[in-house]
Amino acid sequence: MKSQWKKAFLWSSLGSIAIGAVVALAKRARATPEPSLEYHAIPGDCQTICLWTEQFSVEEGVNTLAVQDKYVLRVTPFKVWSVLDAEGGKPVGTVIYHVTHVRYAETSGGEGYPEEGKLQDRFYAVVGTLIPGESGSRRNHVARGGTLAFRKCLVGGAANGIETGEVYHSLAPVLNYRFEYVSA
């Protein structure tokens, strides 16, 4: 009788160790860090930024369409000011952009995207890229593979703007972007 209890204890101990190892490996596999993004600051002399997202699917009625979004950001004279963003004792404003959001749907024949997309929205916003694993974003920075965060703003009157508290996120990560400058 004692030998049966010893065998039962041995097998239950080995089973517990095996289950513990499987659980630990599963947690470790889930906790692998996401690849870090390479953030690029938006240059101060840049006048326009064109951002394209990766392709994603949208359901329109009974059809599922492959779409790609394009965001055109134009610099405005407006800025959001914060004493928390002070550099060297004086506050530095964050540039507000006029954002034009256009969506391109893949043609029915699968030959690519048409020349003209469908206008989705126009608004004023401060742009940033979400930081993976955190709740905030890097203002005035873009990164391939990152999700855009547009903090909508109200502008008018003076060269000041205020954030409305409404945040719009791109539906897909950034595939590519281009900074455009005014030629001399």
C-alpha atoms as a PDB file:
ATOM      1  CA  MET A   1       0.000   0.000   0.000  1.00  0.00           C
ATOM      2  CA  LYS A   2       2.819   2.387   0.820  1.00  0.00           C
ATOM      3  CA  SER A   3       4.464   1.809  -2.557  1.00  0.00           C
ATOM      4  CA  GLN A   4       1.213   2.777  -4.345  1.00  0.00           C
ATOM      5  CA  TRP A   5       1.124   6.084  -2.428  1.00  0.00           C
ATOM      6  CA  LYS A   6       4.760   6.722  -3.280  1.00  0.00           C
ATOM      7  CA  LYS A   7       4.083   6.108  -6.996  1.00  0.00           C
ATOM      8  CA  ALA A   8       0.983   8.326  -6.920  1.00  0.00           C
ATOM      9  CA  PHE A   9       2.937  11.084  -5.185  1.00  0.00           C
ATOM     10  CA  LEU A  10       5.828  10.785  -7.677  1.00  0.00           C
ATOM     11  CA  TRP A  11       3.530  10.933 -10.733  1.00  0.00           C
ATOM     12  CA  SER A  12       1.492  13.846  -9.343  1.00  0.00           C
ATOM     13  CA  SER A  13       4.723  15.748  -8.579  1.00  0.00           C
ATOM     14  CA  LEU A  14       6.047  15.161 -12.097  1.00  0.00           C
ATOM     15  CA  GLY A  15       2.700  16.211 -13.562  1.00  0.00           C
ATOM     16  CA  SER A  16       2.713  19.416 -11.517  1.00  0.00           C
ATOM     17  CA  ILE A  17       6.244  20.227 -12.665  1.00  0.00           C
ATOM     18  CA  ALA A  18       5.301  19.620 -16.302  1.00  0.00           C
ATOM     19  CA  ILE A  19       2.197  21.831 -16.059  1.00  0.00           C
ATOM     20  CA  GLY A  20       4.216  24.573 -14.327  1.00  0.00           C
ATOM     21  CA  ALA A  21       6.860  24.456 -17.065  1.00  0.00           C
ATOM     22  CA  VAL A  22       4.223  24.714 -19.809  1.00  0.00           C
ATOM     23  CA  VAL A  23       2.572  27.700 -18.107  1.00  0.00           C
ATOM     24  CA  ALA A  24       5.926  29.454 -17.618  1.00  0.00           C
ATOM     25  CA  LEU A  25       6.896  28.932 -21.258  1.00  0.00           C
ATOM     26  CA  ALA A  26       3.506  30.208 -22.424  1.00  0.00           C
ATOM     27  CA  LYS A  27       3.865  33.393 -20.339  1.00  0.00           C
ATOM     28  CA  ARG A  28       7.404  33.892 -21.609  1.00  0.00           C
ATOM     29  CA  ALA A  29       6.332  33.476 -25.244  1.00  0.00           C
ATOM     30  CA  ARG A  30       3.528  36.020 -24.757  1.00  0.00           C
ATOM     31  CA  ALA A  31       5.842  38.520 -23.067  1.00  0.00           C
ATOM     32  CA  THR A  32       8.232  38.835 -26.006  1.00  0.00           C
ATOM     33  CA  PRO A  33       8.680  42.550 -26.607  1.00  0.00           C
ATOM     34  CA  GLU A  34       7.362  44.142 -29.758  1.00  0.00           C
ATOM     35  CA  PRO A  35      10.035  45.400 -32.113  1.00  0.00           C
ATOM     36  CA  SER A  36      10.960  48.946 -31.221  1.00  0.00           C
ATOM     37  CA  LEU A  37       9.992  51.666 -33.648  1.00  0.00           C
ATOM     38  CA  GLU A  38      12.481  54.042 -35.190  1.00  0.00           C
ATOM     39  CA  TYR A  39      10.969  57.468 -34.561  1.00  0.00           C
ATOM     40  CA  HIS A  40      11.833  60.394 -36.826  1.00  0.00           C
ATOM     41  CA  ALA A  41      11.185  63.951 -35.718  1.00  0.00           C
ATOM     42  CA  ILE A  42       9.248  66.057 -38.199  1.00  0.00           C
ATOM     43  CA  PRO A  43      11.722  68.694 -39.452  1.00  0.00           C
ATOM     44  CA  GLY A  44      10.875  72.283 -38.512  1.00  0.00           C
ATOM     45  CA  ASP A  45      11.229  73.571 -42.080  1.00  0.00           C
ATOM     46  CA  CYS A  46       8.972  70.873 -43.542  1.00  0.00           C
ATOM     47  CA  GLN A  47       5.784  72.284 -45.101  1.00  0.00           C
ATOM     48  CA  THR A  48       3.852  69.126 -46.022  1.00  0.00           C
ATOM     49  CA  ILE A  49       3.953  65.508 -44.890  1.00  0.00           C
ATOM     50  CA  CYS A  50       2.376  62.655 -46.873  1.00  0.00           C
ATOM     51  CA  LEU A  51       1.747  59.462 -44.908  1.00  0.00           C
ATOM     52  CA  TRP A  52       0.466  56.162 -46.330  1.00  0.00           C
ATOM     53  CA  THR A  53      -0.814  53.329 -44.177  1.00  0.00           C
ATOM     54  CA  GLU A  54      -0.501  49.632 -44.783  1.00  0.00           C
ATOM     55  CA  GLN A  55      -3.344  47.926 -46.621  1.00  0.00           C
ATOM     56  CA  PHE A  56      -6.274  46.805 -44.480  1.00  0.00           C
ATOM     57  CA  SER A  57      -9.801  45.489 -44.977  1.00  0.00           C
ATOM     58  CA  VAL A  58     -13.040  47.421 -44.621  1.00  0.00           C
ATOM     59  CA  GLU A  59     -16.551  46.012 -44.896  1.00  0.00           C
ATOM     60  CA  GLU A  60     -18.807  48.071 -47.110  1.00  0.00           C
ATOM     61  CA  GLY A  61     -22.263  46.536 -47.212  1.00  0.00           C
ATOM     62  CA  VAL A  62     -21.796  42.859 -48.066  1.00  0.00           C
ATOM     63  CA  ASN A  63     -18.381  43.406 -49.706  1.00  0.00           C
ATOM     64  CA  THR A  64     -14.985  43.428 -48.059  1.00  0.00           C
ATOM     65  CA  LEU A  65     -12.635  45.938 -49.656  1.00  0.00           C
ATOM     66  CA  ALA A  66      -8.861  46.174 -49.466  1.00  0.00           C
ATOM     67  CA  VAL A  67      -8.098  49.825 -48.738  1.00  0.00           C
ATOM     68  CA  GLN A  68      -5.164  52.081 -47.990  1.00  0.00           C
ATOM     69  CA  ASP A  69      -5.327  55.476 -46.269  1.00  0.00           C
ATOM     70  CA  LYS A  70      -3.318  58.553 -47.151  1.00  0.00           C
ATOM     71  CA  TYR A  71      -2.923  61.469 -44.768  1.00  0.00           C
ATOM     72  CA  VAL A  72      -1.686  64.814 -46.102  1.00  0.00           C
ATOM     73  CA  LEU A  73      -0.534  67.113 -43.296  1.00  0.00           C
ATOM     74  CA  ARG A  74       0.047  70.791 -44.078  1.00  0.00           C
ATOM     75  CA  VAL A  75       1.770  73.086 -41.600  1.00  0.00           C
ATOM     76  CA  THR A  76      -0.387  75.906 -40.248  1.00  0.00           C
ATOM     77  CA  PRO A  77       0.701  79.042 -38.347  1.00  0.00           C
ATOM     78  CA  PHE A  78      -1.175  77.738 -35.294  1.00  0.00           C
ATOM     79  CA  LYS A  79       0.485  76.159 -32.267  1.00  0.00           C
ATOM     80  CA  VAL A  80      -0.587  74.532 -29.024  1.00  0.00           C
ATOM     81  CA  TRP A  81       1.319  76.010 -26.114  1.00  0.00           C
ATOM     82  CA  SER A  82       2.173  74.283 -22.854  1.00  0.00           C
ATOM     83  CA  VAL A  83       4.435  75.348 -20.004  1.00  0.00           C
ATOM     84  CA  LEU A  84       5.210  71.650 -19.544  1.00  0.00           C
ATOM     85  CA  ASP A  85       6.982  71.616 -22.939  1.00  0.00           C
ATOM     86  CA  ALA A  86       9.370  74.420 -21.960  1.00  0.00           C
ATOM     87  CA  GLU A  87      12.925  74.273 -23.300  1.00  0.00           C
ATOM     88  CA  GLY A  88      15.479  76.444 -21.541  1.00  0.00           C
ATOM     89  CA  GLY A  89      12.812  78.215 -19.499  1.00  0.00           C
ATOM     90  CA  LYS A  90      10.639  79.384 -22.402  1.00  0.00           C
ATOM     91  CA  PRO A  91       7.656  77.426 -23.722  1.00  0.00           C
ATOM     92  CA  VAL A  92       7.887  75.895 -27.171  1.00  0.00           C
ATOM     93  CA  GLY A  93       4.644  75.438 -29.062  1.00  0.00           C
ATOM     94  CA  THR A  94       3.590  72.253 -30.845  1.00  0.00           C
ATOM     95  CA  VAL A  95       2.730  72.746 -34.513  1.00  0.00           C
ATOM     96  CA  ILE A  96      -0.878  72.182 -35.555  1.00  0.00           C
ATOM     97  CA  TYR A  97      -1.400  70.590 -38.978  1.00  0.00           C
ATOM     98  CA  HIS A  98      -4.326  70.733 -41.366  1.00  0.00           C
ATOM     99  CA  VAL A  99      -4.995  67.017 -42.001  1.00  0.00           C
ATOM    100  CA  THR A 100      -6.670  65.686 -45.135  1.00  0.00           C
ATOM    101  CA  HIS A 101      -7.613  62.012 -44.859  1.00  0.00           C
ATOM    102  CA  VAL A 102      -8.184  60.201 -48.183  1.00  0.00           C
ATOM    103  CA  ARG A 103      -9.025  56.499 -48.625  1.00  0.00           C
ATOM    104  CA  TYR A 104      -8.107  54.465 -51.699  1.00  0.00           C
ATOM    105  CA  ALA A 105     -10.043  51.248 -52.352  1.00  0.00           C
ATOM    106  CA  GLU A 106      -8.475  48.550 -54.498  1.00  0.00           C
ATOM    107  CA  THR A 107     -10.121  48.228 -57.907  1.00  0.00           C
ATOM    108  CA  SER A 108     -12.462  45.307 -58.523  1.00  0.00           C
ATOM    109  CA  GLY A 109     -10.003  43.679 -60.939  1.00  0.00           C
ATOM    110  CA  GLY A 110      -7.263  43.754 -58.307  1.00  0.00           C
ATOM    111  CA  GLU A 111      -5.044  45.938 -60.526  1.00  0.00           C
ATOM    112  CA  GLY A 112      -4.122  48.309 -57.715  1.00  0.00           C
ATOM    113  CA  TYR A 113      -5.550  51.592 -56.503  1.00  0.00           C
ATOM    114  CA  PRO A 114      -7.256  54.307 -58.555  1.00  0.00           C
ATOM    115  CA  GLU A 115      -5.625  57.706 -59.103  1.00  0.00           C
ATOM    116  CA  GLU A 116      -8.191  59.503 -56.958  1.00  0.00           C
ATOM    117  CA  GLY A 117      -9.314  58.387 -53.549  1.00  0.00           C
ATOM    118  CA  LYS A 118     -12.413  59.188 -51.534  1.00  0.00           C
ATOM    119  CA  LEU A 119     -12.141  62.085 -49.086  1.00  0.00           C
ATOM    120  CA  GLN A 120     -12.828  60.828 -45.563  1.00  0.00           C
ATOM    121  CA  ASP A 121     -12.266  63.880 -43.376  1.00  0.00           C
ATOM    122  CA  ARG A 122     -10.455  67.189 -42.920  1.00  0.00           C
ATOM    123  CA  PHE A 123      -9.455  68.544 -39.516  1.00  0.00           C
ATOM    124  CA  TYR A 124      -6.772  70.394 -37.536  1.00  0.00           C
ATOM    125  CA  ALA A 125      -4.608  68.298 -35.243  1.00  0.00           C
ATOM    126  CA  VAL A 126      -1.325  67.768 -33.486  1.00  0.00           C
ATOM    127  CA  VAL A 127       0.297  64.618 -34.875  1.00  0.00           C
ATOM    128  CA  GLY A 128       2.187  61.903 -33.064  1.00  0.00           C
ATOM    129  CA  THR A 129       2.965  58.198 -33.185  1.00  0.00           C
ATOM    130  CA  LEU A 130       1.729  55.843 -30.474  1.00  0.00           C
ATOM    131  CA  ILE A 131       4.380  54.255 -28.279  1.00  0.00           C
ATOM    132  CA  PRO A 132       3.827  50.452 -28.185  1.00  0.00           C
ATOM    133  CA  GLY A 133       2.876  49.214 -24.731  1.00  0.00           C
ATOM    134  CA  GLU A 134       2.217  52.735 -23.403  1.00  0.00           C
ATOM    135  CA  SER A 135      -0.803  55.015 -23.375  1.00  0.00           C
ATOM    136  CA  GLY A 136       0.945  58.086 -24.812  1.00  0.00           C
ATOM    137  CA  SER A 137       2.390  59.151 -28.127  1.00  0.00           C
ATOM    138  CA  ARG A 138       5.483  60.966 -29.344  1.00  0.00           C
ATOM    139  CA  ARG A 139       4.384  64.346 -30.605  1.00  0.00           C
ATOM    140  CA  ASN A 140       5.814  65.595 -33.902  1.00  0.00           C
ATOM    141  CA  HIS A 141       7.362  62.193 -34.607  1.00  0.00           C
ATOM    142  CA  VAL A 142       6.519  59.551 -37.205  1.00  0.00           C
ATOM    143  CA  ALA A 143       7.662  55.949 -37.476  1.00  0.00           C
ATOM    144  CA  ARG A 144       7.150  53.217 -40.028  1.00  0.00           C
ATOM    145  CA  GLY A 145       5.030  50.482 -38.453  1.00  0.00           C
ATOM    146  CA  GLY A 146       3.610  52.889 -35.876  1.00  0.00           C
ATOM    147  CA  THR A 147      -0.002  53.924 -35.431  1.00  0.00           C
ATOM    148  CA  LEU A 148      -0.703  57.615 -35.941  1.00  0.00           C
ATOM    149  CA  ALA A 149      -2.418  59.578 -33.189  1.00  0.00           C
ATOM    150  CA  PHE A 150      -4.109  62.818 -34.220  1.00  0.00           C
ATOM    151  CA  ARG A 151      -5.126  65.034 -31.296  1.00  0.00           C
ATOM    152  CA  LYS A 152      -7.811  67.231 -32.836  1.00  0.00           C
ATOM    153  CA  CYS A 153      -7.613  70.993 -32.278  1.00  0.00           C
ATOM    154  CA  LEU A 154      -9.706  74.126 -32.593  1.00  0.00           C
ATOM    155  CA  VAL A 155      -7.972  77.070 -34.262  1.00  0.00           C
ATOM    156  CA  GLY A 156      -8.799  80.636 -35.164  1.00  0.00           C
ATOM    157  CA  GLY A 157      -8.195  84.224 -34.191  1.00  0.00           C
ATOM    158  CA  ALA A 158      -4.625  84.415 -32.921  1.00  0.00           C
ATOM    159  CA  ALA A 159      -1.881  81.944 -33.767  1.00  0.00           C
ATOM    160  CA  ASN A 160      -2.975  79.744 -30.875  1.00  0.00           C
ATOM    161  CA  GLY A 161      -4.963  76.549 -30.949  1.00  0.00           C
ATOM    162  CA  ILE A 162      -6.437  74.333 -28.266  1.00  0.00           C
ATOM    163  CA  GLU A 163      -6.845  70.583 -28.156  1.00  0.00           C
ATOM    164  CA  THR A 164     -10.442  69.374 -28.077  1.00  0.00           C
ATOM    165  CA  GLY A 165      -9.613  66.154 -26.238  1.00  0.00           C
ATOM    166  CA  GLU A 166     -10.735  64.073 -29.233  1.00  0.00           C
ATOM    167  CA  VAL A 167      -8.050  61.691 -30.478  1.00  0.00           C
ATOM    168  CA  TYR A 168      -8.217  59.926 -33.844  1.00  0.00           C
ATOM    169  CA  HIS A 169      -5.985  56.891 -34.499  1.00  0.00           C
ATOM    170  CA  SER A 170      -5.080  55.575 -37.939  1.00  0.00           C
ATOM    171  CA  LEU A 171      -6.730  52.232 -38.681  1.00  0.00           C
ATOM    172  CA  ALA A 172      -3.465  50.678 -39.905  1.00  0.00           C
ATOM    173  CA  PRO A 173       0.242  51.227 -39.207  1.00  0.00           C
ATOM    174  CA  VAL A 174       2.298  53.647 -41.279  1.00  0.00           C
ATOM    175  CA  LEU A 175       3.769  52.024 -44.380  1.00  0.00           C
ATOM    176  CA  ASN A 176       5.701  55.025 -45.666  1.00  0.00           C
ATOM    177  CA  TYR A 177       5.935  58.794 -45.392  1.00  0.00           C
ATOM    178  CA  ARG A 178       7.489  61.732 -47.228  1.00  0.00           C
ATOM    179  CA  PHE A 179       8.524  65.172 -45.988  1.00  0.00           C
ATOM    180  CA  GLU A 180       8.071  67.985 -48.518  1.00  0.00           C
ATOM    181  CA  TYR A 181       9.828  71.349 -48.388  1.00  0.00           C
ATOM    182  CA  VAL A 182       9.265  74.654 -50.163  1.00  0.00           C
ATOM    183  CA  SER A 183      11.861  75.183 -52.887  1.00  0.00           C
ATOM    184  CA  ALA A 184      13.839  78.410 -52.751  1.00  0.00           C
END
